[in-house]
Amino acid sequence: MEKSYPNFDDLKKSWPSPFVARTEISRMTGGILQRTTIANLDAKGEGPGGRFRVGRKIAYPVDEIIKFLEQRCKQID
């Protein structure tokens, strides 16, 4: 039986911008990811790719957040 994983395309379609600030990650993902978790993973070099800084804000391309979620997602039986 083939395992199915969540399709995160709806997150991408519903987000109004091609970028998401780290402080908005929780809102964008419905609480799946927290800004502190992403900050800690970034510090270890394990966070989403493509991050950039604008002033004091850290942001990511939405495509990179979706890819990050897909890579970390595991089916629970």
N, C-alpha and C. Protein backbone atom coordinates (compact mmCIF):
# COMPACT_ATOMS: atom_id res chain seq x y z
N MET A 1 0.84 -1.18 0.00
CA MET A 1 0.00 0.00 0.00
C MET A 1 0.89 1.25 0.00
N GLU A 2 0.63 2.15 -0.91
CA GLU A 2 1.41 3.37 -1.01
C GLU A 2 0.98 4.35 0.07
N LYS A 3 1.96 4.94 0.72
CA LYS A 3 1.66 5.92 1.77
C LYS A 3 1.41 7.28 1.15
N SER A 4 0.44 7.97 1.67
CA SER A 4 0.17 9.32 1.18
C SER A 4 0.61 10.33 2.24
N TYR A 5 1.17 11.41 1.78
CA TYR A 5 1.62 12.48 2.66
C TYR A 5 0.78 13.71 2.41
N PRO A 6 0.74 14.63 3.35
CA PRO A 6 -0.03 15.85 3.14
C PRO A 6 0.46 16.61 1.92
N ASN A 7 -0.47 17.22 1.24
CA ASN A 7 -0.13 18.08 0.12
C ASN A 7 -0.12 19.51 0.64
N PHE A 8 1.04 20.12 0.67
CA PHE A 8 1.19 21.45 1.22
C PHE A 8 0.94 22.56 0.20
N ASP A 9 0.48 22.19 -0.99
CA ASP A 9 0.23 23.21 -2.02
C ASP A 9 -0.81 24.24 -1.58
N ASP A 10 -1.78 23.82 -0.77
CA ASP A 10 -2.80 24.77 -0.32
C ASP A 10 -2.19 25.88 0.54
N LEU A 11 -1.16 25.55 1.32
CA LEU A 11 -0.47 26.59 2.11
C LEU A 11 0.12 27.64 1.18
N LYS A 12 0.76 27.16 0.13
CA LYS A 12 1.40 28.07 -0.82
C LYS A 12 0.36 28.95 -1.51
N LYS A 13 -0.74 28.35 -1.92
CA LYS A 13 -1.78 29.09 -2.63
C LYS A 13 -2.47 30.11 -1.73
N SER A 14 -2.61 29.81 -0.46
CA SER A 14 -3.35 30.69 0.44
C SER A 14 -2.50 31.83 1.00
N TRP A 15 -1.16 31.72 0.93
CA TRP A 15 -0.31 32.76 1.46
C TRP A 15 -0.24 33.91 0.46
N PRO A 16 -0.46 35.15 0.92
CA PRO A 16 -0.60 36.28 -0.01
C PRO A 16 0.70 36.83 -0.59
N SER A 17 1.82 36.26 -0.25
CA SER A 17 3.11 36.79 -0.69
C SER A 17 4.02 35.64 -1.10
N PRO A 18 5.01 35.89 -1.95
CA PRO A 18 5.97 34.83 -2.28
C PRO A 18 7.01 34.61 -1.17
N PHE A 19 6.95 35.45 -0.12
CA PHE A 19 7.89 35.34 0.99
C PHE A 19 7.13 35.28 2.31
N VAL A 20 7.78 34.73 3.32
CA VAL A 20 7.18 34.70 4.66
C VAL A 20 8.26 35.06 5.68
N ALA A 21 7.92 36.00 6.55
CA ALA A 21 8.84 36.38 7.63
C ALA A 21 8.89 35.26 8.66
N ARG A 22 10.03 35.10 9.29
CA ARG A 22 10.16 34.06 10.32
C ARG A 22 9.10 34.24 11.40
N THR A 23 8.77 35.48 11.74
CA THR A 23 7.78 35.74 12.78
C THR A 23 6.37 35.32 12.36
N GLU A 24 6.16 35.07 11.07
CA GLU A 24 4.84 34.68 10.56
C GLU A 24 4.76 33.20 10.19
N ILE A 25 5.83 32.46 10.42
CA ILE A 25 5.87 31.04 10.05
C ILE A 25 4.75 30.26 10.72
N SER A 26 4.50 30.50 11.98
CA SER A 26 3.46 29.77 12.70
C SER A 26 2.08 30.03 12.08
N ARG A 27 1.80 31.27 11.77
CA ARG A 27 0.51 31.62 11.16
C ARG A 27 0.39 30.99 9.78
N MET A 28 1.46 31.04 9.01
CA MET A 28 1.43 30.50 7.65
C MET A 28 1.20 28.99 7.65
N THR A 29 1.81 28.28 8.61
CA THR A 29 1.74 26.82 8.63
C THR A 29 0.65 26.28 9.55
N GLY A 30 -0.18 27.14 10.08
CA GLY A 30 -1.23 26.67 10.98
C GLY A 30 -0.69 26.10 12.28
N GLY A 31 0.46 26.60 12.72
CA GLY A 31 1.05 26.14 13.98
C GLY A 31 1.97 24.94 13.85
N ILE A 32 2.15 24.43 12.65
CA ILE A 32 3.04 23.27 12.46
C ILE A 32 4.48 23.63 12.81
N LEU A 33 4.90 24.80 12.40
CA LEU A 33 6.25 25.29 12.70
C LEU A 33 6.16 26.54 13.55
N GLN A 34 7.11 26.70 14.45
CA GLN A 34 7.20 27.89 15.29
C GLN A 34 8.45 28.67 14.92
N ARG A 35 8.42 29.98 15.12
CA ARG A 35 9.57 30.81 14.77
C ARG A 35 10.81 30.40 15.55
N THR A 36 10.64 29.99 16.80
CA THR A 36 11.81 29.60 17.61
C THR A 36 12.43 28.30 17.08
N THR A 37 11.60 27.39 16.64
CA THR A 37 12.11 26.14 16.07
C THR A 37 12.93 26.43 14.82
N ILE A 38 12.39 27.27 13.94
CA ILE A 38 13.10 27.61 12.70
C ILE A 38 14.40 28.35 13.02
N ALA A 39 14.37 29.25 14.00
CA ALA A 39 15.58 29.98 14.38
C ALA A 39 16.65 29.01 14.89
N ASN A 40 16.24 28.05 15.71
CA ASN A 40 17.19 27.07 16.23
C ASN A 40 17.76 26.19 15.12
N LEU A 41 16.90 25.77 14.20
CA LEU A 41 17.36 24.96 13.07
C LEU A 41 18.29 25.76 12.16
N ASP A 42 17.98 27.04 11.96
CA ASP A 42 18.86 27.90 11.17
C ASP A 42 20.25 27.98 11.81
N ALA A 43 20.29 28.12 13.12
CA ALA A 43 21.57 28.23 13.83
C ALA A 43 22.41 26.96 13.66
N LYS A 44 21.75 25.82 13.49
CA LYS A 44 22.45 24.55 13.28
C LYS A 44 22.70 24.26 11.81
N GLY A 45 22.24 25.15 10.92
CA GLY A 45 22.41 24.94 9.48
C GLY A 45 21.41 23.95 8.91
N GLU A 46 20.30 23.72 9.61
CA GLU A 46 19.32 22.73 9.18
C GLU A 46 17.96 23.35 8.83
N GLY A 47 17.88 24.67 8.77
CA GLY A 47 16.63 25.35 8.49
C GLY A 47 16.31 25.38 7.00
N PRO A 48 15.20 25.99 6.66
CA PRO A 48 14.82 26.12 5.25
C PRO A 48 15.86 26.92 4.48
N GLY A 49 16.00 26.62 3.20
CA GLY A 49 16.96 27.33 2.35
C GLY A 49 16.43 28.69 1.93
N GLY A 50 17.30 29.47 1.36
CA GLY A 50 16.91 30.74 0.77
C GLY A 50 16.63 31.87 1.73
N ARG A 51 16.97 31.71 2.99
CA ARG A 51 16.64 32.78 3.95
C ARG A 51 17.40 34.05 3.61
N PHE A 52 16.79 35.15 3.94
CA PHE A 52 17.41 36.45 3.72
C PHE A 52 16.96 37.41 4.79
N ARG A 53 17.70 38.49 4.92
CA ARG A 53 17.42 39.50 5.94
C ARG A 53 17.00 40.78 5.26
N VAL A 54 15.96 41.40 5.82
CA VAL A 54 15.54 42.74 5.43
C VAL A 54 15.46 43.53 6.74
N GLY A 55 16.43 44.40 6.94
CA GLY A 55 16.50 45.10 8.22
C GLY A 55 16.75 44.10 9.33
N ARG A 56 15.84 44.06 10.30
CA ARG A 56 15.97 43.11 11.41
C ARG A 56 15.17 41.84 11.20
N LYS A 57 14.42 41.77 10.13
CA LYS A 57 13.57 40.60 9.86
C LYS A 57 14.29 39.56 9.02
N ILE A 58 14.05 38.29 9.36
CA ILE A 58 14.51 37.16 8.56
C ILE A 58 13.29 36.64 7.81
N ALA A 59 13.48 36.34 6.54
CA ALA A 59 12.38 35.84 5.73
C ALA A 59 12.85 34.70 4.84
N TYR A 60 11.89 33.98 4.29
CA TYR A 60 12.15 32.82 3.44
C TYR A 60 11.21 32.85 2.25
N PRO A 61 11.65 32.32 1.12
CA PRO A 61 10.70 32.13 0.03
C PRO A 61 9.68 31.06 0.44
N VAL A 62 8.43 31.27 0.11
CA VAL A 62 7.38 30.31 0.47
C VAL A 62 7.70 28.93 -0.10
N ASP A 63 8.24 28.88 -1.31
CA ASP A 63 8.59 27.58 -1.92
C ASP A 63 9.57 26.81 -1.05
N GLU A 64 10.49 27.50 -0.40
CA GLU A 64 11.47 26.84 0.47
C GLU A 64 10.82 26.31 1.75
N ILE A 65 9.85 27.03 2.27
CA ILE A 65 9.13 26.55 3.46
C ILE A 65 8.34 25.29 3.10
N ILE A 66 7.69 25.29 1.95
CA ILE A 66 6.93 24.12 1.50
C ILE A 66 7.87 22.93 1.32
N LYS A 67 8.99 23.15 0.67
CA LYS A 67 9.97 22.08 0.46
C LYS A 67 10.48 21.55 1.80
N PHE A 68 10.74 22.45 2.74
CA PHE A 68 11.20 22.07 4.07
C PHE A 68 10.17 21.18 4.77
N LEU A 69 8.90 21.58 4.71
CA LEU A 69 7.83 20.77 5.31
C LEU A 69 7.74 19.40 4.67
N GLU A 70 7.80 19.36 3.36
CA GLU A 70 7.71 18.07 2.65
C GLU A 70 8.86 17.15 3.00
N GLN A 71 10.05 17.69 3.16
CA GLN A 71 11.22 16.87 3.50
C GLN A 71 11.15 16.32 4.92
N ARG A 72 10.52 17.06 5.82
CA ARG A 72 10.46 16.65 7.23
C ARG A 72 9.22 15.85 7.60
N CYS A 73 8.29 15.74 6.66
CA CYS A 73 7.01 15.09 6.93
C CYS A 73 7.18 13.56 6.92
N LYS A 74 6.60 12.92 7.93
CA LYS A 74 6.60 11.46 8.02
C LYS A 74 5.19 10.99 8.30
N GLN A 75 4.79 9.96 7.62
CA GLN A 75 3.47 9.36 7.83
C GLN A 75 3.47 8.57 9.14
N ILE A 76 2.44 8.74 9.94
CA ILE A 76 2.31 7.97 11.17
C ILE A 76 1.22 6.93 10.93
N ASP A 77 1.58 5.68 11.14
CA ASP A 77 0.61 4.59 10.91
C ASP A 77 -0.21 4.33 12.14
